[in-house]
């Protein structure tokens, strides 16, 4: 069950664990969902997690697996963008209950991109999958930031970089330092 929010005087402070995403998000090189989820599983469910992100992004499905695992612990996750959180790394960032950014750090959001080889049906199917992924990312940004659909669609229309102050204004972080 969930631990109670109240604590008696003299009770022990909640332990804090650091976990980093300081590389591309990829199943073979960089940060994989498999390794990240294994690391996360070692952290007690009621412990605070300090998530540090400096990543250009990478594999969307790996990133969504990491996002879902962190989102399940949202209240316990405090994230900081120490350099950049680009693409799917910015989606992972949205799983945090609290997001802090230095003024000179950046969040970059855009729609998914990829390459496909095949016949017309293959290309159409790939386009449909990309549309589905974009809708998923759009919902995640809307839920976390409170921004409306048109605003988030505009964010996803191209590579959009937000520095700390811009991210704060957009709702992509909660505090700048």
C-alpha atoms as a PDB file:
ATOM      1  CA  UNK A   1       0.000   0.000   0.000  1.00  0.00           C
ATOM      2  CA  UNK A   2       0.919   3.654  -0.193  1.00  0.00           C
ATOM      3  CA  UNK A   3       2.857   5.015   2.762  1.00  0.00           C
ATOM      4  CA  UNK A   4       1.067   7.673   4.779  1.00  0.00           C
ATOM      5  CA  UNK A   5       2.004  11.288   4.051  1.00  0.00           C
ATOM      6  CA  UNK A   6       2.278  12.146   7.736  1.00  0.00           C
ATOM      7  CA  UNK A   7       5.334  11.229   9.724  1.00  0.00           C
ATOM      8  CA  UNK A   8       5.894  11.376  13.444  1.00  0.00           C
ATOM      9  CA  UNK A   9       8.709  13.502  14.815  1.00  0.00           C
ATOM     10  CA  UNK A  10      11.980  11.670  14.907  1.00  0.00           C
ATOM     11  CA  UNK A  11      10.997   9.205  12.187  1.00  0.00           C
ATOM     12  CA  UNK A  12      13.646   8.471   9.627  1.00  0.00           C
ATOM     13  CA  UNK A  13      13.895  10.597   6.514  1.00  0.00           C
ATOM     14  CA  UNK A  14      12.833   8.912   3.298  1.00  0.00           C
ATOM     15  CA  UNK A  15      15.913   7.462   1.608  1.00  0.00           C
ATOM     16  CA  UNK A  16      16.837   9.032  -1.731  1.00  0.00           C
ATOM     17  CA  UNK A  17      18.338   7.154  -4.661  1.00  0.00           C
ATOM     18  CA  UNK A  18      20.032   8.755  -7.663  1.00  0.00           C
ATOM     19  CA  UNK A  19      19.384   7.403 -11.132  1.00  0.00           C
ATOM     20  CA  UNK A  20      20.778   8.896 -14.342  1.00  0.00           C
ATOM     21  CA  UNK A  21      19.946   9.008 -18.025  1.00  0.00           C
ATOM     22  CA  UNK A  22      23.151  10.488 -19.399  1.00  0.00           C
ATOM     23  CA  UNK A  23      23.265   8.892 -22.852  1.00  0.00           C
ATOM     24  CA  UNK A  24      21.129   8.000 -25.846  1.00  0.00           C
ATOM     25  CA  UNK A  25      18.108   5.813 -25.108  1.00  0.00           C
ATOM     26  CA  UNK A  26      18.652   2.635 -27.067  1.00  0.00           C
ATOM     27  CA  UNK A  27      18.199  -1.104 -26.515  1.00  0.00           C
ATOM     28  CA  UNK A  28      21.762  -1.928 -27.642  1.00  0.00           C
ATOM     29  CA  UNK A  29      23.946   1.054 -26.795  1.00  0.00           C
ATOM     30  CA  UNK A  30      23.262   3.850 -24.350  1.00  0.00           C
ATOM     31  CA  UNK A  31      20.507   3.535 -21.748  1.00  0.00           C
ATOM     32  CA  UNK A  32      18.202   0.577 -22.394  1.00  0.00           C
ATOM     33  CA  UNK A  33      14.781   0.087 -20.843  1.00  0.00           C
ATOM     34  CA  UNK A  34      15.914  -3.359 -19.702  1.00  0.00           C
ATOM     35  CA  UNK A  35      18.863  -1.974 -17.716  1.00  0.00           C
ATOM     36  CA  UNK A  36      16.965   1.062 -16.444  1.00  0.00           C
ATOM     37  CA  UNK A  37      14.018  -1.009 -15.218  1.00  0.00           C
ATOM     38  CA  UNK A  38      16.405  -3.464 -13.523  1.00  0.00           C
ATOM     39  CA  UNK A  39      18.089  -0.548 -11.741  1.00  0.00           C
ATOM     40  CA  UNK A  40      14.711   0.931 -10.787  1.00  0.00           C
ATOM     41  CA  UNK A  41      13.563  -2.434  -9.399  1.00  0.00           C
ATOM     42  CA  UNK A  42      16.418  -2.278  -6.849  1.00  0.00           C
ATOM     43  CA  UNK A  43      14.988   0.957  -5.410  1.00  0.00           C
ATOM     44  CA  UNK A  44      12.331   0.536  -2.697  1.00  0.00           C
ATOM     45  CA  UNK A  45       8.845   1.596  -3.801  1.00  0.00           C
ATOM     46  CA  UNK A  46       8.586   4.288  -1.114  1.00  0.00           C
ATOM     47  CA  UNK A  47      12.038   5.807  -1.657  1.00  0.00           C
ATOM     48  CA  UNK A  48      12.616   9.180  -3.288  1.00  0.00           C
ATOM     49  CA  UNK A  49      14.289   9.029  -6.690  1.00  0.00           C
ATOM     50  CA  UNK A  50      16.528  11.833  -7.924  1.00  0.00           C
ATOM     51  CA  UNK A  51      16.523  11.473 -11.705  1.00  0.00           C
ATOM     52  CA  UNK A  52      19.229  13.313 -13.629  1.00  0.00           C
ATOM     53  CA  UNK A  53      18.728  13.677 -17.403  1.00  0.00           C
ATOM     54  CA  UNK A  54      21.213  14.694 -20.077  1.00  0.00           C
ATOM     55  CA  UNK A  55      20.125  12.899 -23.254  1.00  0.00           C
ATOM     56  CA  UNK A  56      19.484  13.590 -26.914  1.00  0.00           C
ATOM     57  CA  UNK A  57      16.728  10.968 -26.884  1.00  0.00           C
ATOM     58  CA  UNK A  58      16.603   7.835 -28.986  1.00  0.00           C
ATOM     59  CA  UNK A  59      14.296   4.834 -29.272  1.00  0.00           C
ATOM     60  CA  UNK A  60      10.658   5.800 -28.655  1.00  0.00           C
ATOM     61  CA  UNK A  61       9.495   2.390 -27.397  1.00  0.00           C
ATOM     62  CA  UNK A  62      12.440   2.022 -25.009  1.00  0.00           C
ATOM     63  CA  UNK A  63      11.702   5.532 -23.765  1.00  0.00           C
ATOM     64  CA  UNK A  64       7.998   4.855 -23.239  1.00  0.00           C
ATOM     65  CA  UNK A  65       8.855   1.764 -21.172  1.00  0.00           C
ATOM     66  CA  UNK A  66      11.090   3.934 -18.960  1.00  0.00           C
ATOM     67  CA  UNK A  67       8.399   6.646 -18.800  1.00  0.00           C
ATOM     68  CA  UNK A  68       5.738   4.137 -17.679  1.00  0.00           C
ATOM     69  CA  UNK A  69       7.972   2.666 -14.968  1.00  0.00           C
ATOM     70  CA  UNK A  70       8.779   6.118 -13.579  1.00  0.00           C
ATOM     71  CA  UNK A  71       5.186   7.365 -13.917  1.00  0.00           C
ATOM     72  CA  UNK A  72       4.068   4.551 -11.607  1.00  0.00           C
ATOM     73  CA  UNK A  73       6.259   6.208  -8.940  1.00  0.00           C
ATOM     74  CA  UNK A  74       5.559   9.798 -10.028  1.00  0.00           C
ATOM     75  CA  UNK A  75       5.081  11.242  -6.533  1.00  0.00           C
ATOM     76  CA  UNK A  76       8.547   9.973  -5.546  1.00  0.00           C
ATOM     77  CA  UNK A  77      10.441  11.118  -8.665  1.00  0.00           C
ATOM     78  CA  UNK A  78      12.265  14.456  -8.696  1.00  0.00           C
ATOM     79  CA  UNK A  79      13.987  15.122 -12.008  1.00  0.00           C
ATOM     80  CA  UNK A  80      16.634  17.600 -13.057  1.00  0.00           C
ATOM     81  CA  UNK A  81      17.695  18.339 -16.615  1.00  0.00           C
ATOM     82  CA  UNK A  82      21.428  18.877 -16.224  1.00  0.00           C
ATOM     83  CA  UNK A  83      22.090  19.605 -19.909  1.00  0.00           C
ATOM     84  CA  UNK A  84      19.448  18.617 -22.425  1.00  0.00           C
ATOM     85  CA  UNK A  85      16.358  16.416 -22.459  1.00  0.00           C
ATOM     86  CA  UNK A  86      15.578  15.970 -26.138  1.00  0.00           C
ATOM     87  CA  UNK A  87      12.904  14.041 -27.960  1.00  0.00           C
ATOM     88  CA  UNK A  88      11.890  10.878 -26.072  1.00  0.00           C
ATOM     89  CA  UNK A  89      14.091  11.969 -23.127  1.00  0.00           C
ATOM     90  CA  UNK A  90      11.749  14.960 -22.733  1.00  0.00           C
ATOM     91  CA  UNK A  91       8.804  12.535 -22.602  1.00  0.00           C
ATOM     92  CA  UNK A  92      10.561  10.537 -19.844  1.00  0.00           C
ATOM     93  CA  UNK A  93      11.039  13.836 -17.997  1.00  0.00           C
ATOM     94  CA  UNK A  94       7.246  14.259 -17.911  1.00  0.00           C
ATOM     95  CA  UNK A  95       6.978  11.183 -15.640  1.00  0.00           C
ATOM     96  CA  UNK A  96       8.540  13.095 -12.743  1.00  0.00           C
ATOM     97  CA  UNK A  97       6.415  14.536  -9.961  1.00  0.00           C
ATOM     98  CA  UNK A  98       8.783  17.511  -9.752  1.00  0.00           C
ATOM     99  CA  UNK A  99      10.998  18.839 -12.544  1.00  0.00           C
ATOM    100  CA  UNK A 100      13.833  21.319 -11.979  1.00  0.00           C
ATOM    101  CA  UNK A 101      16.017  22.941 -14.632  1.00  0.00           C
ATOM    102  CA  UNK A 102      18.950  25.310 -14.592  1.00  0.00           C
ATOM    103  CA  UNK A 103      18.225  28.395 -16.708  1.00  0.00           C
ATOM    104  CA  UNK A 104      20.827  27.228 -19.250  1.00  0.00           C
ATOM    105  CA  UNK A 105      19.528  23.687 -19.656  1.00  0.00           C
ATOM    106  CA  UNK A 106      17.213  22.767 -22.522  1.00  0.00           C
ATOM    107  CA  UNK A 107      14.195  20.621 -23.227  1.00  0.00           C
ATOM    108  CA  UNK A 108      13.564  19.800 -26.882  1.00  0.00           C
ATOM    109  CA  UNK A 109      10.259  18.389 -28.082  1.00  0.00           C
ATOM    110  CA  UNK A 110       9.302  17.271 -31.574  1.00  0.00           C
ATOM    111  CA  UNK A 111       7.250  14.666 -33.354  1.00  0.00           C
ATOM    112  CA  UNK A 112       8.796  11.264 -33.939  1.00  0.00           C
ATOM    113  CA  UNK A 113      10.917  10.609 -36.999  1.00  0.00           C
ATOM    114  CA  UNK A 114      12.202   7.466 -38.630  1.00  0.00           C
ATOM    115  CA  UNK A 115      12.869   5.670 -41.876  1.00  0.00           C
ATOM    116  CA  UNK A 116      10.951   2.953 -43.656  1.00  0.00           C
ATOM    117  CA  UNK A 117      11.788   0.736 -46.609  1.00  0.00           C
ATOM    118  CA  UNK A 118       9.112  -1.145 -48.507  1.00  0.00           C
ATOM    119  CA  UNK A 119       6.041  -0.943 -50.667  1.00  0.00           C
ATOM    120  CA  UNK A 120       3.169   1.560 -50.457  1.00  0.00           C
ATOM    121  CA  UNK A 121       1.379  -0.469 -47.786  1.00  0.00           C
ATOM    122  CA  UNK A 122       4.546  -0.652 -45.662  1.00  0.00           C
ATOM    123  CA  UNK A 123       5.050   3.103 -45.915  1.00  0.00           C
ATOM    124  CA  UNK A 124       1.381   3.834 -45.118  1.00  0.00           C
ATOM    125  CA  UNK A 125       1.477   1.481 -42.124  1.00  0.00           C
ATOM    126  CA  UNK A 126       4.652   3.147 -40.842  1.00  0.00           C
ATOM    127  CA  UNK A 127       3.019   6.567 -41.212  1.00  0.00           C
ATOM    128  CA  UNK A 128       0.022   5.332 -39.201  1.00  0.00           C
ATOM    129  CA  UNK A 129       2.320   4.050 -36.436  1.00  0.00           C
ATOM    130  CA  UNK A 130       4.148   7.398 -36.362  1.00  0.00           C
ATOM    131  CA  UNK A 131       0.798   9.180 -36.069  1.00  0.00           C
ATOM    132  CA  UNK A 132      -0.134   6.957 -33.148  1.00  0.00           C
ATOM    133  CA  UNK A 133       3.206   7.637 -31.425  1.00  0.00           C
ATOM    134  CA  UNK A 134       2.783  11.384 -31.931  1.00  0.00           C
ATOM    135  CA  UNK A 135      -0.705  11.193 -30.370  1.00  0.00           C
ATOM    136  CA  UNK A 136       0.712   9.295 -27.391  1.00  0.00           C
ATOM    137  CA  UNK A 137       3.456  11.887 -26.855  1.00  0.00           C
ATOM    138  CA  UNK A 138       0.953  14.723 -27.286  1.00  0.00           C
ATOM    139  CA  UNK A 139      -1.272  13.290 -24.531  1.00  0.00           C
ATOM    140  CA  UNK A 140       1.715  12.943 -22.195  1.00  0.00           C
ATOM    141  CA  UNK A 141       2.807  16.568 -22.702  1.00  0.00           C
ATOM    142  CA  UNK A 142      -0.788  17.839 -22.361  1.00  0.00           C
ATOM    143  CA  UNK A 143      -1.360  15.911 -19.132  1.00  0.00           C
ATOM    144  CA  UNK A 144       1.886  17.080 -17.496  1.00  0.00           C
ATOM    145  CA  UNK A 145       1.904  20.720 -18.646  1.00  0.00           C
ATOM    146  CA  UNK A 146      -1.793  21.571 -18.849  1.00  0.00           C
ATOM    147  CA  UNK A 147      -1.152  22.980 -22.337  1.00  0.00           C
ATOM    148  CA  UNK A 148      -3.959  22.634 -24.880  1.00  0.00           C
ATOM    149  CA  UNK A 149      -3.951  20.371 -27.922  1.00  0.00           C
ATOM    150  CA  UNK A 150      -3.159  23.123 -30.454  1.00  0.00           C
ATOM    151  CA  UNK A 151      -0.196  24.313 -28.376  1.00  0.00           C
ATOM    152  CA  UNK A 152       1.300  20.842 -28.049  1.00  0.00           C
ATOM    153  CA  UNK A 153       0.704  20.050 -31.729  1.00  0.00           C
ATOM    154  CA  UNK A 154       2.660  23.210 -32.557  1.00  0.00           C
ATOM    155  CA  UNK A 155       5.488  22.046 -30.260  1.00  0.00           C
ATOM    156  CA  UNK A 156       5.607  18.707 -32.090  1.00  0.00           C
ATOM    157  CA  UNK A 157       5.556  20.252 -35.578  1.00  0.00           C
ATOM    158  CA  UNK A 158       9.322  20.891 -35.531  1.00  0.00           C
ATOM    159  CA  UNK A 159      12.345  20.754 -33.211  1.00  0.00           C
ATOM    160  CA  UNK A 160      11.324  23.138 -30.416  1.00  0.00           C
ATOM    161  CA  UNK A 161      13.987  24.028 -27.841  1.00  0.00           C
ATOM    162  CA  UNK A 162      12.958  25.500 -24.483  1.00  0.00           C
ATOM    163  CA  UNK A 163      15.572  26.906 -22.095  1.00  0.00           C
ATOM    164  CA  UNK A 164      14.865  26.836 -18.366  1.00  0.00           C
ATOM    165  CA  UNK A 165      12.758  30.015 -18.311  1.00  0.00           C
ATOM    166  CA  UNK A 166      10.840  29.017 -21.456  1.00  0.00           C
ATOM    167  CA  UNK A 167      10.258  25.500 -20.115  1.00  0.00           C
ATOM    168  CA  UNK A 168       8.922  26.964 -16.871  1.00  0.00           C
ATOM    169  CA  UNK A 169       6.528  29.260 -18.783  1.00  0.00           C
ATOM    170  CA  UNK A 170       5.368  26.304 -20.919  1.00  0.00           C
ATOM    171  CA  UNK A 171       4.822  24.030 -17.910  1.00  0.00           C
ATOM    172  CA  UNK A 172       7.606  21.658 -18.971  1.00  0.00           C
ATOM    173  CA  UNK A 173       9.345  22.172 -15.622  1.00  0.00           C
ATOM    174  CA  UNK A 174       8.239  23.288 -12.167  1.00  0.00           C
ATOM    175  CA  UNK A 175      11.242  25.329 -11.072  1.00  0.00           C
ATOM    176  CA  UNK A 176      14.410  26.862 -12.463  1.00  0.00           C
ATOM    177  CA  UNK A 177      17.662  27.066 -10.527  1.00  0.00           C
END
